All heavy atoms as atom14 arrays in JSON, in Angstrom:
{
  "sequence": "TGIEGLIHISELSEERVEKPEDIVKKGDAV",
  "atom14_mask": [
    [1, 1, 1, 1, 1, 1, 1, 0, 0, 0, 0, 0, 0, 0],
    [1, 1, 1, 1, 0, 0, 0, 0, 0, 0, 0, 0, 0, 0],
    [1, 1, 1, 1, 1, 1, 1, 1, 0, 0, 0, 0, 0, 0],
    [1, 1, 1, 1, 1, 1, 1, 1, 1, 0, 0, 0, 0, 0],
    [1, 1, 1, 1, 0, 0, 0, 0, 0, 0, 0, 0, 0, 0],
    [1, 1, 1, 1, 1, 1, 1, 1, 0, 0, 0, 0, 0, 0],
    [1, 1, 1, 1, 1, 1, 1, 1, 0, 0, 0, 0, 0, 0],
    [1, 1, 1, 1, 1, 1, 1, 1, 1, 1, 0, 0, 0, 0],
    [1, 1, 1, 1, 1, 1, 1, 1, 0, 0, 0, 0, 0, 0],
    [1, 1, 1, 1, 1, 1, 0, 0, 0, 0, 0, 0, 0, 0],
    [1, 1, 1, 1, 1, 1, 1, 1, 1, 0, 0, 0, 0, 0],
    [1, 1, 1, 1, 1, 1, 1, 1, 0, 0, 0, 0, 0, 0],
    [1, 1, 1, 1, 1, 1, 0, 0, 0, 0, 0, 0, 0, 0],
    [1, 1, 1, 1, 1, 1, 1, 1, 1, 0, 0, 0, 0, 0],
    [1, 1, 1, 1, 1, 1, 1, 1, 1, 0, 0, 0, 0, 0],
    [1, 1, 1, 1, 1, 1, 1, 1, 1, 1, 1, 0, 0, 0],
    [1, 1, 1, 1, 1, 1, 1, 0, 0, 0, 0, 0, 0, 0],
    [1, 1, 1, 1, 1, 1, 1, 1, 1, 0, 0, 0, 0, 0],
    [1, 1, 1, 1, 1, 1, 1, 1, 1, 0, 0, 0, 0, 0],
    [1, 1, 1, 1, 1, 1, 1, 0, 0, 0, 0, 0, 0, 0],
    [1, 1, 1, 1, 1, 1, 1, 1, 1, 0, 0, 0, 0, 0],
    [1, 1, 1, 1, 1, 1, 1, 1, 0, 0, 0, 0, 0, 0],
    [1, 1, 1, 1, 1, 1, 1, 1, 0, 0, 0, 0, 0, 0],
    [1, 1, 1, 1, 1, 1, 1, 0, 0, 0, 0, 0, 0, 0],
    [1, 1, 1, 1, 1, 1, 1, 1, 1, 0, 0, 0, 0, 0],
    [1, 1, 1, 1, 1, 1, 1, 1, 1, 0, 0, 0, 0, 0],
    [1, 1, 1, 1, 0, 0, 0, 0, 0, 0, 0, 0, 0, 0],
    [1, 1, 1, 1, 1, 1, 1, 1, 0, 0, 0, 0, 0, 0],
    [1, 1, 1, 1, 1, 0, 0, 0, 0, 0, 0, 0, 0, 0],
    [1, 1, 1, 1, 1, 1, 1, 0, 0, 0, 0, 0, 0, 0]
  ],
  "atom14_positions": [
    [[0.85, -1.2, 0.0], [0.0, 0.0, 0.0], [0.88, 1.25, 0.0], [1.66, 1.48, 0.93], [-0.91, 0.03, 1.24], [-1.68, -1.17, 1.26], [-1.83, 1.24, 1.22], [0.0, 0.0, 0.0], [0.0, 0.0, 0.0], [0.0, 0.0, 0.0], [0.0, 0.0, 0.0], [0.0, 0.0, 0.0], [0.0, 0.0, 0.0], [0.0, 0.0, 0.0]],
    [[0.78, 2.0, -1.07], [1.55, 3.24, -1.19], [2.94, 3.06, -1.71], [3.65, 4.06, -1.93], [0.0, 0.0, 0.0], [0.0, 0.0, 0.0], [0.0, 0.0, 0.0], [0.0, 0.0, 0.0], [0.0, 0.0, 0.0], [0.0, 0.0, 0.0], [0.0, 0.0, 0.0], [0.0, 0.0, 0.0], [0.0, 0.0, 0.0], [0.0, 0.0, 0.0]],
    [[3.39, 1.82, -1.92], [4.74, 1.58, -2.42], [4.64, 0.94, -3.81], [4.01, -0.1, -3.98], [5.54, 0.67, -1.48], [5.72, 1.37, -0.12], [6.89, 0.31, -2.08], [6.5, 0.56, 0.88], [0.0, 0.0, 0.0], [0.0, 0.0, 0.0], [0.0, 0.0, 0.0], [0.0, 0.0, 0.0], [0.0, 0.0, 0.0], [0.0, 0.0, 0.0]],
    [[5.24, 1.65, -4.75], [5.19, 1.18, -6.13], [6.58, 0.86, -6.64], [7.59, 1.38, -6.13], [4.55, 2.24, -7.03], [3.09, 2.54, -6.69], [2.51, 3.63, -7.58], [3.28, 4.24, -8.37], [1.29, 3.9, -7.49], [0.0, 0.0, 0.0], [0.0, 0.0, 0.0], [0.0, 0.0, 0.0], [0.0, 0.0, 0.0], [0.0, 0.0, 0.0]],
    [[6.61, 0.01, -7.67], [7.86, -0.29, -8.35], [7.67, -0.12, -9.85], [6.55, -0.16, -10.36], [0.0, 0.0, 0.0], [0.0, 0.0, 0.0], [0.0, 0.0, 0.0], [0.0, 0.0, 0.0], [0.0, 0.0, 0.0], [0.0, 0.0, 0.0], [0.0, 0.0, 0.0], [0.0, 0.0, 0.0], [0.0, 0.0, 0.0], [0.0, 0.0, 0.0]],
    [[8.76, 0.08, -10.56], [8.7, 0.31, -12.01], [9.32, -0.86, -12.77], [10.46, -1.25, -12.49], [9.43, 1.6, -12.37], [9.61, 1.87, -13.87], [8.26, 2.08, -14.56], [10.53, 3.07, -14.1], [0.0, 0.0, 0.0], [0.0, 0.0, 0.0], [0.0, 0.0, 0.0], [0.0, 0.0, 0.0], [0.0, 0.0, 0.0], [0.0, 0.0, 0.0]],
    [[8.52, -1.38, -13.74], [9.05, -2.36, -14.71], [9.34, -1.57, -15.97], [8.41, -1.13, -16.66], [8.05, -3.48, -15.01], [7.6, -4.16, -13.7], [8.66, -4.5, -15.95], [6.46, -5.14, -13.89], [0.0, 0.0, 0.0], [0.0, 0.0, 0.0], [0.0, 0.0, 0.0], [0.0, 0.0, 0.0], [0.0, 0.0, 0.0], [0.0, 0.0, 0.0]],
    [[10.61, -1.3, -16.23], [10.98, -0.5, -17.4], [10.58, -1.25, -18.67], [10.51, -2.48, -18.69], [12.48, -0.19, -17.39], [12.86, 0.87, -18.37], [13.3, 0.56, -19.63], [12.86, 2.22, -18.26], [13.58, 1.68, -20.27], [13.32, 2.73, -19.45], [0.0, 0.0, 0.0], [0.0, 0.0, 0.0], [0.0, 0.0, 0.0], [0.0, 0.0, 0.0]],
    [[10.34, -0.53, -19.76], [9.94, -1.11, -21.04], [10.93, -2.18, -21.51], [10.55, -3.18, -22.13], [9.76, -0.01, -22.11], [9.13, -0.59, -23.38], [11.07, 0.72, -22.38], [8.75, 0.49, -24.39], [0.0, 0.0, 0.0], [0.0, 0.0, 0.0], [0.0, 0.0, 0.0], [0.0, 0.0, 0.0], [0.0, 0.0, 0.0], [0.0, 0.0, 0.0]],
    [[12.2, -1.94, -21.12], [13.24, -2.9, -21.56], [13.2, -4.2, -20.76], [13.85, -5.18, -21.11], [14.62, -2.27, -21.43], [14.89, -1.93, -20.08], [0.0, 0.0, 0.0], [0.0, 0.0, 0.0], [0.0, 0.0, 0.0], [0.0, 0.0, 0.0], [0.0, 0.0, 0.0], [0.0, 0.0, 0.0], [0.0, 0.0, 0.0], [0.0, 0.0, 0.0]],
    [[12.42, -4.21, -19.62], [12.34, -5.38, -18.77], [10.99, -6.09, -18.88], [10.69, -6.99, -18.09], [12.59, -4.97, -17.3], [13.94, -4.38, -17.03], [15.06, -5.38, -17.24], [14.82, -6.6, -17.09], [16.19, -4.93, -17.56], [0.0, 0.0, 0.0], [0.0, 0.0, 0.0], [0.0, 0.0, 0.0], [0.0, 0.0, 0.0], [0.0, 0.0, 0.0]],
    [[10.2, -5.69, -19.87], [8.87, -6.32, -20.03], [8.96, -7.66, -20.76], [8.18, -8.58, -20.5], [7.93, -5.37, -20.79], [7.47, -4.12, -20.02], [6.66, -3.22, -20.93], [6.67, -4.48, -18.79], [0.0, 0.0, 0.0], [0.0, 0.0, 0.0], [0.0, 0.0, 0.0], [0.0, 0.0, 0.0], [0.0, 0.0, 0.0], [0.0, 0.0, 0.0]],
    [[9.9, -7.8, -21.7], [9.98, -9.02, -22.52], [11.35, -9.13, -23.14], [12.09, -8.13, -23.24], [8.9, -8.98, -23.62], [9.05, -10.09, -24.49], [0.0, 0.0, 0.0], [0.0, 0.0, 0.0], [0.0, 0.0, 0.0], [0.0, 0.0, 0.0], [0.0, 0.0, 0.0], [0.0, 0.0, 0.0], [0.0, 0.0, 0.0], [0.0, 0.0, 0.0]],
    [[11.67, -10.39, -23.52], [12.92, -10.6, -24.24], [12.86, -9.99, -25.62], [13.88, -9.62, -26.2], [13.2, -12.12, -24.35], [13.5, -12.8, -23.03], [14.85, -12.39, -22.46], [15.65, -11.75, -23.18], [15.1, -12.67, -21.28], [0.0, 0.0, 0.0], [0.0, 0.0, 0.0], [0.0, 0.0, 0.0], [0.0, 0.0, 0.0], [0.0, 0.0, 0.0]],
    [[11.63, -9.9, -26.14], [11.42, -9.3, -27.45], [11.41, -7.77, -27.33], [11.19, -7.22, -26.26], [10.09, -9.78, -28.05], [9.94, -11.28, -28.15], [10.91, -11.87, -29.15], [11.26, -11.16, -30.13], [11.31, -13.03, -28.95], [0.0, 0.0, 0.0], [0.0, 0.0, 0.0], [0.0, 0.0, 0.0], [0.0, 0.0, 0.0], [0.0, 0.0, 0.0]],
    [[11.64, -7.12, -28.47], [11.59, -5.66, -28.49], [10.14, -5.22, -28.29], [9.23, -5.69, -28.98], [12.14, -5.12, -29.8], [12.09, -3.59, -29.89], [12.68, -3.12, -31.2], [12.58, -1.68, -31.32], [13.42, -0.8, -30.77], [14.42, -1.25, -30.02], [13.27, 0.49, -30.94], [0.0, 0.0, 0.0], [0.0, 0.0, 0.0], [0.0, 0.0, 0.0]],
    [[9.92, -4.34, -27.41], [8.57, -3.84, -27.11], [8.47, -2.38, -27.55], [9.27, -1.54, -27.13], [8.26, -3.95, -25.6], [6.86, -3.4, -25.31], [8.37, -5.39, -25.14], [0.0, 0.0, 0.0], [0.0, 0.0, 0.0], [0.0, 0.0, 0.0], [0.0, 0.0, 0.0], [0.0, 0.0, 0.0], [0.0, 0.0, 0.0], [0.0, 0.0, 0.0]],
    [[7.49, -2.1, -28.4], [7.28, -0.72, -28.87], [6.37, 0.02, -27.91], [6.59, 1.19, -27.59], [6.65, -0.74, -30.27], [7.53, -1.35, -31.35], [8.76, -0.49, -31.62], [8.73, 0.74, -31.32], [9.77, -1.04, -32.11], [0.0, 0.0, 0.0], [0.0, 0.0, 0.0], [0.0, 0.0, 0.0], [0.0, 0.0, 0.0], [0.0, 0.0, 0.0]],
    [[5.32, -0.7, -27.47], [4.36, -0.07, -26.58], [4.15, -0.98, -25.36], [3.76, -2.13, -25.52], [3.02, 0.16, -27.27], [3.09, 1.18, -28.41], [1.72, 1.35, -29.04], [1.76, 2.38, -30.18], [0.42, 2.54, -30.79], [0.0, 0.0, 0.0], [0.0, 0.0, 0.0], [0.0, 0.0, 0.0], [0.0, 0.0, 0.0], [0.0, 0.0, 0.0]],
    [[4.36, -0.45, -24.12], [4.17, -1.26, -22.91], [2.76, -1.85, -22.81], [2.58, -2.96, -22.32], [4.44, -0.27, -21.78], [5.37, 0.72, -22.38], [4.93, 0.89, -23.8], [0.0, 0.0, 0.0], [0.0, 0.0, 0.0], [0.0, 0.0, 0.0], [0.0, 0.0, 0.0], [0.0, 0.0, 0.0], [0.0, 0.0, 0.0], [0.0, 0.0, 0.0]],
    [[1.74, -1.07, -23.28], [0.36, -1.55, -23.17], [0.1, -2.8, -24.03], [-0.91, -3.49, -23.85], [-0.65, -0.45, -23.5], [-0.5, 0.14, -24.89], [0.34, 1.4, -24.87], [1.22, 1.52, -23.99], [0.11, 2.27, -25.73], [0.0, 0.0, 0.0], [0.0, 0.0, 0.0], [0.0, 0.0, 0.0], [0.0, 0.0, 0.0], [0.0, 0.0, 0.0]],
    [[1.03, -3.09, -24.99], [0.87, -4.32, -25.77], [1.2, -5.55, -24.93], [0.76, -6.66, -25.24], [1.81, -4.3, -27.0], [1.39, -3.22, -28.0], [0.21, -2.8, -27.95], [2.25, -2.79, -28.8], [0.0, 0.0, 0.0], [0.0, 0.0, 0.0], [0.0, 0.0, 0.0], [0.0, 0.0, 0.0], [0.0, 0.0, 0.0], [0.0, 0.0, 0.0]],
    [[1.98, -5.36, -23.86], [2.39, -6.47, -23.01], [1.54, -6.51, -21.73], [1.06, -7.57, -21.32], [3.88, -6.36, -22.66], [4.74, -6.22, -23.91], [4.34, -7.55, -21.8], [4.64, -7.44, -24.85], [0.0, 0.0, 0.0], [0.0, 0.0, 0.0], [0.0, 0.0, 0.0], [0.0, 0.0, 0.0], [0.0, 0.0, 0.0], [0.0, 0.0, 0.0]],
    [[1.39, -5.33, -21.08], [0.67, -5.26, -19.8], [-0.35, -4.13, -19.87], [-0.06, -3.04, -20.37], [1.63, -5.0, -18.63], [0.85, -4.92, -17.31], [2.68, -6.08, -18.54], [0.0, 0.0, 0.0], [0.0, 0.0, 0.0], [0.0, 0.0, 0.0], [0.0, 0.0, 0.0], [0.0, 0.0, 0.0], [0.0, 0.0, 0.0], [0.0, 0.0, 0.0]],
    [[-1.51, -4.42, -19.32], [-2.55, -3.39, -19.25], [-2.83, -3.08, -17.79], [-2.58, -3.9, -16.9], [-3.81, -3.87, -19.95], [-3.64, -3.98, -21.47], [-4.92, -4.42, -22.13], [-4.82, -4.35, -23.64], [-3.65, -5.0, -24.21], [0.0, 0.0, 0.0], [0.0, 0.0, 0.0], [0.0, 0.0, 0.0], [0.0, 0.0, 0.0], [0.0, 0.0, 0.0]],
    [[-3.37, -1.94, -17.56], [-3.7, -1.5, -16.2], [-4.67, -2.51, -15.58], [-5.67, -2.89, -16.19], [-4.34, -0.1, -16.22], [-4.65, 0.44, -14.82], [-5.26, 1.84, -14.91], [-5.59, 2.35, -13.51], [-6.21, 3.68, -13.52], [0.0, 0.0, 0.0], [0.0, 0.0, 0.0], [0.0, 0.0, 0.0], [0.0, 0.0, 0.0], [0.0, 0.0, 0.0]],
    [[-4.34, -2.95, -14.36], [-5.18, -3.93, -13.66], [-4.68, -5.35, -13.79], [-5.13, -6.22, -13.03], [0.0, 0.0, 0.0], [0.0, 0.0, 0.0], [0.0, 0.0, 0.0], [0.0, 0.0, 0.0], [0.0, 0.0, 0.0], [0.0, 0.0, 0.0], [0.0, 0.0, 0.0], [0.0, 0.0, 0.0], [0.0, 0.0, 0.0], [0.0, 0.0, 0.0]],
    [[-3.78, -5.58, -14.72], [-3.23, -6.93, -14.88], [-2.37, -7.29, -13.68], [-1.69, -6.44, -13.1], [-2.37, -7.02, -16.15], [-3.2, -6.99, -17.43], [-4.44, -7.05, -17.3], [-2.61, -6.87, -18.51], [0.0, 0.0, 0.0], [0.0, 0.0, 0.0], [0.0, 0.0, 0.0], [0.0, 0.0, 0.0], [0.0, 0.0, 0.0], [0.0, 0.0, 0.0]],
    [[-2.38, -8.56, -13.31], [-1.48, -9.08, -12.28], [-0.26, -9.65, -12.99], [-0.37, -10.46, -13.91], [-2.19, -10.16, -11.46], [0.0, 0.0, 0.0], [0.0, 0.0, 0.0], [0.0, 0.0, 0.0], [0.0, 0.0, 0.0], [0.0, 0.0, 0.0], [0.0, 0.0, 0.0], [0.0, 0.0, 0.0], [0.0, 0.0, 0.0], [0.0, 0.0, 0.0]],
    [[0.9, -9.17, -12.57], [2.13, -9.59, -13.24], [3.12, -10.12, -12.21], [3.08, -9.77, -11.03], [2.77, -8.42, -14.01], [1.86, -7.94, -15.13], [3.1, -7.26, -13.07], [0.0, 0.0, 0.0], [0.0, 0.0, 0.0], [0.0, 0.0, 0.0], [0.0, 0.0, 0.0], [0.0, 0.0, 0.0], [0.0, 0.0, 0.0], [0.0, 0.0, 0.0]]
  ]
}
């Protein structure tokens, strides 16, 4: 609660990611 962390675009996938929302959407559990 109140503590957030950042998953940088470069850490979302082994593949090149153009848009973060293509991999994760708001509300998704990751």
